Amino acid sequence: GFSLRYARCHELLGAEVAPAEVDRILEGFGLHKLGATDEQSSWRIPSYRSDLRREVDLIEEVVRVFGINRIPAADRSRFTPISAADRRYDFEMQLRQRLVGRGFSEARTSALVGRQTLGSGFAEGAVELRNPLSEDHVALRPSLLPGLIAALERNVRAGAKSVRLFEVGRVFLPPQGEEVRRLTLLLCGEANCAMHWRDRAARALDLFDLKGALAAAGLGEVAFRRVERPEFALAAEVFLGAERAGIAGQLVSAQSSAPVFVAEVDVPNDFEASAGARQFRELQRFPSIGRDIALLAPENLSHDEILSAIKGAQEPLLSAVELFDLFSGKDAGHIGAGRKSLAYSLTYSDKNRTLTSDEVSAAHDRIRVRLRSQLRVELRE
């Protein structure tokens, strides 16, 4: 005979069937009960039921009569919270989408660099492999720039007039090979449109296009501070908020007739704070008032310094500042050598009322006084 444990029957079915009901079902199939306790029962199998060989076969007979439809469904789904790796992946995918939307193409280059690259400023001190398979793959890359520069050279040889590349990937910092996620951008050639509808020639890409692309990537507030680097004809440290994040500038030498601009920054670890949550801003119901400021400044005074001085006044009515005119260098004309002329448009508004001309003029005058005293610039009337 065979034994049937009632607890095992309950475990397999996922539903509780009374022992008396189990016995009644099996007897209905012609099985003869030899004995029973509270935990189990013993059965003699008829000779014509050779298919009943195990305990589970008897339980299957029970469920045939009991009905599968009477077995309650059990929700076995498990909640898995979003991990930091998931959030980083989503952040980097959004970063990629923003850059592609600005006309960039994503590149994927090798994590290994060749021996000829080790002498360059972008691969100095790279962690070398013990057993490299070829001279083109001898060390772990400490920067993404060598790979993008090689991609640029291939595109230029193929006749490309405008190249915009970016890569998001790991670099390995010497001497221990610490892994860091970085974003690198490369710009070279012509912009997609002319500077003005009257211009016949397309505008050349410049450092401001590079800075604009970094700002649009969603890494946070971007600022450039001028530095000197031997690999760059023009170099600037990149700051994301208050943190130094990388380097940007124009390369000294590259296999291209047009200037090549690059930037390489660390992808923030606090990427949630960098991306920021999007918030709805109420549509403006009251008209704004605009005022302009034109000034003469030393050539070495940066736009960021002027912008910081304007915003540092903390005028509550000031809602926007925009640089709309710049004359310097050969365009400076009569303003004199070593100086430049800049013009800013300032917008004043209040979300609860219409401003008067007098209160806007008062706020505007306070900003003008601050520029004179803090930056020693000459304001043009």
Protein backbone atom coordinates (compact mmCIF):
# COMPACT_ATOMS: atom_id res chain seq x y z
CA GLY A 1 0.00 0.00 0.00
CA PHE A 2 0.86 3.70 -0.12
CA SER A 3 0.70 6.34 2.57
CA LEU A 4 -0.72 9.82 2.06
CA ARG A 5 0.27 12.62 4.44
CA TYR A 6 -2.48 15.20 4.84
CA ALA A 7 0.03 17.99 5.53
CA ARG A 8 1.87 17.13 2.30
CA CYS A 9 -1.41 17.25 0.41
CA HIS A 10 -2.09 20.73 1.79
CA GLU A 11 1.46 21.88 0.97
CA LEU A 12 1.33 20.78 -2.68
CA LEU A 13 -2.20 21.99 -3.39
CA GLY A 14 -1.91 25.34 -1.65
CA ALA A 15 -5.39 24.74 -0.26
CA GLU A 16 -6.58 22.91 2.83
CA VAL A 17 -8.70 19.81 2.15
CA ALA A 18 -10.20 18.11 5.20
CA PRO A 19 -8.84 14.58 5.85
CA ALA A 20 -12.38 13.17 5.67
CA GLU A 21 -12.81 14.80 2.24
CA VAL A 22 -9.49 13.32 1.06
CA ASP A 23 -10.55 9.85 2.20
CA ARG A 24 -13.94 10.17 0.51
CA ILE A 25 -12.36 11.21 -2.81
CA LEU A 26 -9.85 8.34 -2.85
CA GLU A 27 -12.47 5.76 -1.90
CA GLY A 28 -14.56 7.07 -4.77
CA PHE A 29 -11.75 6.06 -7.15
CA GLY A 30 -11.87 2.46 -5.85
CA LEU A 31 -8.94 2.66 -3.41
CA HIS A 32 -9.24 0.68 -0.17
CA LYS A 33 -8.18 2.39 3.06
CA LEU A 34 -5.99 0.15 5.20
CA GLY A 35 -5.73 2.49 8.17
CA ALA A 36 -5.56 6.14 9.19
CA THR A 37 -4.28 8.53 11.86
CA ASP A 38 -4.67 12.28 12.29
CA GLU A 39 -1.52 12.84 10.18
CA GLN A 40 -1.80 10.28 7.38
CA SER A 41 -3.70 7.35 5.86
CA SER A 42 -2.62 4.09 4.16
CA TRP A 43 -4.18 2.83 0.91
CA ARG A 44 -4.24 -0.33 -1.16
CA ILE A 45 -4.14 0.38 -4.87
CA PRO A 46 -6.34 -1.67 -7.24
CA SER A 47 -4.44 -3.74 -9.78
CA TYR A 48 -6.01 -1.86 -12.68
CA ARG A 49 -4.56 1.50 -11.40
CA SER A 50 -0.94 0.91 -12.28
CA ASP A 51 -0.51 4.68 -12.77
CA LEU A 52 -0.68 5.27 -9.01
CA ARG A 53 2.89 4.63 -7.86
CA ARG A 54 3.74 7.54 -5.53
CA GLU A 55 2.20 9.73 -2.85
CA VAL A 56 2.01 12.63 -5.29
CA ASP A 57 -0.12 10.47 -7.62
CA LEU A 58 -2.71 10.10 -4.86
CA ILE A 59 -2.67 13.87 -4.27
CA GLU A 60 -3.26 14.38 -8.00
CA GLU A 61 -6.39 12.23 -7.73
CA VAL A 62 -7.60 14.42 -4.88
CA VAL A 63 -7.18 17.64 -6.85
CA ARG A 64 -9.05 16.19 -9.84
CA VAL A 65 -12.21 16.03 -7.74
CA PHE A 66 -11.55 18.95 -5.40
CA GLY A 67 -11.12 21.27 -8.43
CA ILE A 68 -8.18 23.40 -9.46
CA ASN A 69 -10.52 26.38 -9.65
CA ARG A 70 -11.03 26.16 -5.87
CA ILE A 71 -7.32 26.60 -5.15
CA PRO A 72 -6.75 30.30 -4.25
CA ALA A 73 -4.19 32.19 -6.32
CA ALA A 74 -1.11 33.20 -4.34
CA ASP A 75 0.65 36.47 -5.17
CA ARG A 76 4.32 35.56 -5.25
CA SER A 77 5.52 38.86 -6.72
CA ARG A 78 8.26 40.59 -4.77
CA PHE A 79 8.89 44.32 -4.62
CA THR A 80 12.42 45.21 -5.64
CA PRO A 81 13.40 48.80 -4.84
CA ILE A 82 15.29 50.83 -7.44
CA SER A 83 19.02 50.53 -6.82
CA ALA A 84 21.72 53.16 -7.17
CA ALA A 85 22.94 51.33 -10.30
CA ASP A 86 19.45 51.67 -11.83
CA ARG A 87 19.31 55.38 -11.07
CA ARG A 88 22.79 55.94 -12.51
CA TYR A 89 21.82 54.06 -15.67
CA ASP A 90 18.69 56.19 -16.08
CA PHE A 91 20.67 59.39 -15.47
CA GLU A 92 23.33 58.51 -18.05
CA MET A 93 20.67 57.53 -20.60
CA GLN A 94 19.02 60.94 -20.16
CA LEU A 95 22.43 62.57 -20.55
CA ARG A 96 22.98 60.69 -23.81
CA GLN A 97 19.55 61.64 -25.13
CA ARG A 98 20.13 65.34 -24.44
CA LEU A 99 23.47 65.34 -26.26
CA VAL A 100 22.11 63.41 -29.24
CA GLY A 101 19.31 65.98 -29.37
CA ARG A 102 21.96 68.70 -29.75
CA GLY A 103 23.52 67.01 -32.76
CA PHE A 104 26.20 64.87 -31.10
CA SER A 105 27.00 61.27 -32.01
CA GLU A 106 27.94 58.78 -29.31
CA ALA A 107 31.30 57.02 -29.66
CA ARG A 108 32.42 53.82 -27.96
CA THR A 109 36.19 53.48 -27.87
CA SER A 110 38.50 50.84 -26.46
CA ALA A 111 39.36 50.89 -22.76
CA LEU A 112 42.97 50.08 -23.76
CA VAL A 113 45.38 52.54 -25.36
CA GLY A 114 48.41 51.96 -27.53
CA ARG A 115 52.05 52.52 -26.71
CA GLN A 116 52.24 55.53 -29.03
CA THR A 117 49.55 57.21 -26.89
CA LEU A 118 51.44 56.84 -23.59
CA GLY A 119 53.67 59.78 -24.38
CA SER A 120 50.77 62.21 -24.79
CA GLY A 121 49.54 64.41 -21.97
CA PHE A 122 46.23 62.57 -21.82
CA ALA A 123 47.71 59.12 -21.07
CA GLU A 124 50.63 59.99 -18.81
CA GLY A 125 51.18 57.43 -16.05
CA ALA A 126 48.61 54.99 -17.45
CA VAL A 127 48.46 51.57 -15.76
CA GLU A 128 50.19 49.18 -18.17
CA LEU A 129 49.19 45.55 -18.73
CA ARG A 130 51.60 42.77 -17.77
CA ASN A 131 50.96 40.78 -20.94
CA PRO A 132 49.52 43.02 -23.68
CA LEU A 133 48.33 41.22 -26.79
CA SER A 134 49.43 44.00 -29.14
CA GLU A 135 51.22 47.34 -29.19
CA ASP A 136 47.85 49.05 -29.74
CA HIS A 137 46.47 47.76 -26.42
CA VAL A 138 49.15 48.06 -23.75
CA ALA A 139 47.58 50.17 -20.96
CA LEU A 140 44.28 51.08 -19.32
CA ARG A 141 43.05 54.46 -20.48
CA PRO A 142 43.27 57.26 -17.87
CA SER A 143 41.21 59.51 -20.16
CA LEU A 144 38.57 59.16 -22.89
CA LEU A 145 40.22 61.86 -25.00
CA PRO A 146 42.77 59.70 -26.91
CA GLY A 147 39.97 57.52 -28.28
CA LEU A 148 37.83 60.49 -29.35
CA ILE A 149 40.80 62.27 -30.94
CA ALA A 150 41.56 59.13 -32.97
CA ALA A 151 37.89 58.99 -34.02
CA LEU A 152 38.09 62.65 -35.09
CA GLU A 153 41.15 61.99 -37.23
CA ARG A 154 39.38 59.12 -39.02
CA ASN A 155 36.36 61.33 -39.67
CA VAL A 156 38.51 64.18 -41.00
CA ARG A 157 40.33 61.81 -43.38
CA ALA A 158 36.91 60.67 -44.60
CA GLY A 159 36.01 64.27 -45.47
CA ALA A 160 33.77 65.26 -42.55
CA LYS A 161 33.36 69.04 -42.24
CA SER A 162 31.68 69.00 -38.84
CA VAL A 163 32.34 66.49 -36.06
CA ARG A 164 30.49 66.36 -32.74
CA LEU A 165 31.28 63.33 -30.60
CA PHE A 166 30.72 62.32 -27.00
CA GLU A 167 31.45 59.27 -24.89
CA VAL A 168 30.37 58.17 -21.43
CA GLY A 169 32.61 55.50 -19.98
CA ARG A 170 35.10 54.31 -17.41
CA VAL A 171 38.64 55.56 -17.05
CA PHE A 172 41.36 54.06 -14.85
CA LEU A 173 43.29 56.57 -12.80
CA PRO A 174 46.96 55.93 -12.06
CA PRO A 175 48.68 54.60 -10.10
CA GLN A 176 46.20 52.03 -8.74
CA GLY A 177 43.74 52.00 -11.65
CA GLU A 178 40.81 53.48 -9.70
CA GLU A 179 37.70 53.38 -11.91
CA VAL A 180 35.83 56.65 -12.53
CA ARG A 181 32.86 57.38 -14.82
CA ARG A 182 33.48 60.30 -17.16
CA LEU A 183 31.78 62.27 -19.92
CA THR A 184 33.93 63.58 -22.77
CA LEU A 185 32.85 65.91 -25.59
CA LEU A 186 34.65 66.82 -28.81
CA LEU A 187 33.69 69.57 -31.29
CA CYS A 188 35.33 70.47 -34.57
CA GLY A 189 34.29 72.19 -37.79
CA GLU A 190 31.20 74.12 -38.81
CA ALA A 191 27.99 74.75 -36.92
CA ASN A 192 24.81 73.51 -38.56
CA CYS A 193 23.63 77.00 -39.43
CA ALA A 194 25.06 80.35 -40.40
CA MET A 195 25.72 83.00 -37.75
CA HIS A 196 23.04 85.21 -39.29
CA TRP A 197 20.60 84.80 -42.15
CA ARG A 198 22.60 87.33 -44.17
CA ASP A 199 25.87 85.45 -43.73
CA ARG A 200 26.94 83.22 -46.58
CA ALA A 201 29.45 81.14 -44.65
CA ALA A 202 28.54 78.78 -41.83
CA ARG A 203 29.75 79.71 -38.38
CA ALA A 204 32.68 77.78 -36.94
CA LEU A 205 32.14 75.84 -33.72
CA ASP A 206 33.83 77.43 -30.72
CA LEU A 207 34.35 77.13 -26.97
CA PHE A 208 30.90 78.58 -26.25
CA ASP A 209 29.26 75.74 -28.20
CA LEU A 210 31.19 73.34 -25.97
CA LYS A 211 30.09 75.11 -22.79
CA GLY A 212 26.49 75.20 -24.00
CA ALA A 213 26.54 71.46 -24.69
CA LEU A 214 27.83 70.76 -21.17
CA ALA A 215 25.15 72.98 -19.68
CA ALA A 216 22.44 71.23 -21.71
CA ALA A 217 23.63 67.76 -20.65
CA GLY A 218 21.94 68.14 -17.27
CA LEU A 219 25.00 67.74 -15.04
CA GLY A 220 24.20 70.84 -13.02
CA GLU A 221 25.32 74.45 -13.10
CA VAL A 222 28.43 74.73 -15.32
CA ALA A 223 31.20 77.32 -14.91
CA PHE A 224 34.59 77.74 -16.64
CA ARG A 225 37.70 79.16 -14.97
CA ARG A 226 40.78 79.94 -17.05
CA VAL A 227 43.92 77.83 -16.45
CA GLU A 228 47.13 77.03 -18.32
CA ARG A 229 47.69 73.50 -19.65
CA PRO A 230 50.42 72.50 -22.14
CA GLU A 231 48.03 70.29 -24.15
CA PHE A 232 45.65 73.21 -24.75
CA ALA A 233 45.95 76.48 -26.63
CA LEU A 234 43.07 77.73 -24.49
CA ALA A 235 42.13 75.86 -21.32
CA ALA A 236 39.58 76.18 -18.54
CA GLU A 237 38.73 74.16 -15.46
CA VAL A 238 35.12 72.97 -15.47
CA PHE A 239 33.12 73.41 -12.27
CA LEU A 240 29.77 71.75 -11.65
CA GLY A 241 28.32 73.89 -8.92
CA ALA A 242 31.15 74.43 -6.44
CA GLU A 243 33.02 71.21 -7.31
CA ARG A 244 35.87 71.01 -9.80
CA ALA A 245 34.80 68.34 -12.29
CA GLY A 246 37.26 68.39 -15.20
CA ILE A 247 38.97 70.31 -17.97
CA ALA A 248 37.90 71.93 -21.24
CA GLY A 249 39.52 73.92 -24.01
CA GLN A 250 41.03 74.07 -27.48
CA LEU A 251 43.68 71.48 -28.33
CA VAL A 252 47.14 72.65 -29.36
CA SER A 253 47.64 70.01 -32.03
CA ALA A 254 45.18 67.76 -33.84
CA GLN A 255 44.98 66.34 -37.35
CA SER A 256 42.39 68.93 -38.42
CA SER A 257 42.52 72.28 -40.18
CA ALA A 258 39.74 73.61 -37.92
CA PRO A 259 40.11 74.24 -34.18
CA VAL A 260 39.27 71.25 -31.98
CA PHE A 261 37.46 71.82 -28.69
CA VAL A 262 37.19 69.13 -26.02
CA ALA A 263 35.85 68.76 -22.50
CA GLU A 264 36.20 65.90 -20.04
CA VAL A 265 34.32 65.86 -16.73
CA ASP A 266 33.57 63.34 -14.01
CA VAL A 267 29.98 62.12 -14.00
CA PRO A 268 28.70 63.24 -10.57
CA ASN A 269 28.19 60.58 -7.93
CA ASP A 270 25.34 62.67 -6.56
CA PHE A 271 23.65 62.45 -9.95
CA GLU A 272 20.14 62.79 -8.50
CA ALA A 273 20.97 66.24 -7.13
CA SER A 274 22.74 67.16 -10.38
CA ALA A 275 19.79 66.24 -12.55
CA GLY A 276 17.27 67.89 -10.27
CA ALA A 277 13.55 67.26 -10.25
CA ARG A 278 11.56 69.12 -12.87
CA GLN A 279 9.07 71.53 -11.38
CA PHE A 280 6.19 73.38 -12.95
CA ARG A 281 6.50 77.14 -12.98
CA GLU A 282 3.37 79.20 -13.23
CA LEU A 283 2.94 81.05 -16.51
CA GLN A 284 3.66 84.74 -16.22
CA ARG A 285 0.43 86.73 -15.84
CA PHE A 286 1.92 90.23 -15.59
CA PRO A 287 4.18 91.95 -18.14
CA SER A 288 7.92 92.18 -17.58
CA ILE A 289 10.09 95.27 -18.07
CA GLY A 290 13.47 95.24 -19.78
CA ARG A 291 16.53 97.41 -19.23
CA ASP A 292 19.95 97.30 -20.92
CA ILE A 293 23.43 97.81 -19.50
CA ALA A 294 26.38 98.54 -21.82
CA LEU A 295 29.86 98.59 -20.35
CA LEU A 296 33.55 98.76 -21.21
CA ALA A 297 35.67 96.19 -19.40
CA PRO A 298 39.26 94.89 -19.45
CA GLU A 299 39.85 92.09 -21.94
CA ASN A 300 40.64 89.62 -19.14
CA LEU A 301 37.37 90.22 -17.25
CA SER A 302 35.16 87.20 -17.88
CA HIS A 303 31.45 87.05 -18.56
CA ASP A 304 31.01 84.85 -15.47
CA GLU A 305 32.52 87.53 -13.24
CA ILE A 306 30.17 90.17 -14.64
CA LEU A 307 27.18 87.83 -14.36
CA SER A 308 28.08 86.97 -10.76
CA ALA A 309 28.27 90.67 -9.89
CA ILE A 310 24.84 91.33 -11.41
CA LYS A 311 23.19 88.37 -9.70
CA GLY A 312 25.09 89.05 -6.49
CA ALA A 313 23.06 92.22 -6.04
CA GLN A 314 20.17 89.86 -5.18
CA GLU A 315 17.52 92.15 -6.57
CA PRO A 316 14.21 90.31 -6.03
CA LEU A 317 12.65 91.83 -9.16
CA LEU A 318 15.48 90.70 -11.47
CA SER A 319 14.31 87.56 -13.32
CA ALA A 320 16.74 87.16 -16.26
CA VAL A 321 20.11 88.38 -17.55
CA GLU A 322 21.31 87.88 -21.12
CA LEU A 323 24.48 88.96 -22.94
CA PHE A 324 23.41 90.14 -26.40
CA ASP A 325 26.38 92.11 -27.74
CA LEU A 326 30.18 91.82 -27.60
CA PHE A 327 32.94 93.74 -29.33
CA SER A 328 36.58 92.83 -28.72
CA GLY A 329 39.86 92.36 -30.54
CA LYS A 330 39.78 93.58 -34.12
CA ASP A 331 36.07 94.44 -33.73
CA ALA A 332 36.79 96.72 -30.79
CA GLY A 333 37.45 99.74 -33.00
CA HIS A 334 37.68 103.00 -31.07
CA ILE A 335 37.32 101.53 -27.56
CA GLY A 336 41.05 100.93 -27.32
CA ALA A 337 43.41 97.99 -27.02
CA GLY A 338 43.03 95.59 -24.13
CA ARG A 339 39.37 96.41 -23.62
CA LYS A 340 36.04 95.04 -24.79
CA SER A 341 32.48 96.27 -24.98
CA LEU A 342 29.61 94.16 -23.64
CA ALA A 343 25.87 94.76 -23.56
CA TYR A 344 23.42 92.94 -21.28
CA SER A 345 19.66 92.77 -21.30
CA LEU A 346 18.10 92.62 -17.82
CA THR A 347 14.48 91.56 -17.31
CA TYR A 348 12.46 92.60 -14.26
CA SER A 349 9.14 91.05 -13.28
CA ASP A 350 6.85 90.14 -10.39
CA LYS A 351 4.42 87.23 -10.49
CA ASN A 352 1.80 89.04 -8.39
CA ARG A 353 1.59 92.52 -9.91
CA THR A 354 2.64 94.90 -12.66
CA LEU A 355 5.84 96.77 -11.86
CA THR A 356 6.16 100.53 -12.08
CA SER A 357 8.89 102.22 -14.07
CA ASP A 358 10.25 103.94 -10.95
CA GLU A 359 10.84 100.76 -8.94
CA VAL A 360 12.48 99.05 -11.93
CA SER A 361 14.74 102.06 -12.48
CA ALA A 362 15.72 102.04 -8.80
CA ALA A 363 16.69 98.34 -8.90
CA HIS A 364 18.54 98.86 -12.19
CA ASP A 365 20.52 101.78 -10.76
CA ARG A 366 21.59 99.71 -7.75
CA ILE A 367 23.00 97.06 -10.10
CA ARG A 368 24.87 99.71 -12.11
CA VAL A 369 26.43 101.10 -8.93
CA ARG A 370 27.48 97.59 -7.88
CA LEU A 371 29.18 96.96 -11.25
CA ARG A 372 31.12 100.23 -11.01
CA SER A 373 32.30 99.65 -7.45
CA GLN A 374 33.01 95.91 -7.60
CA LEU A 375 34.46 95.44 -11.10
CA ARG A 376 35.72 98.95 -11.91
CA VAL A 377 34.05 98.88 -15.32
CA GLU A 378 33.02 101.91 -17.34
CA LEU A 379 29.27 102.07 -17.96
CA ARG A 380 28.13 103.49 -21.28
CA GLU A 381 25.05 105.66 -21.37
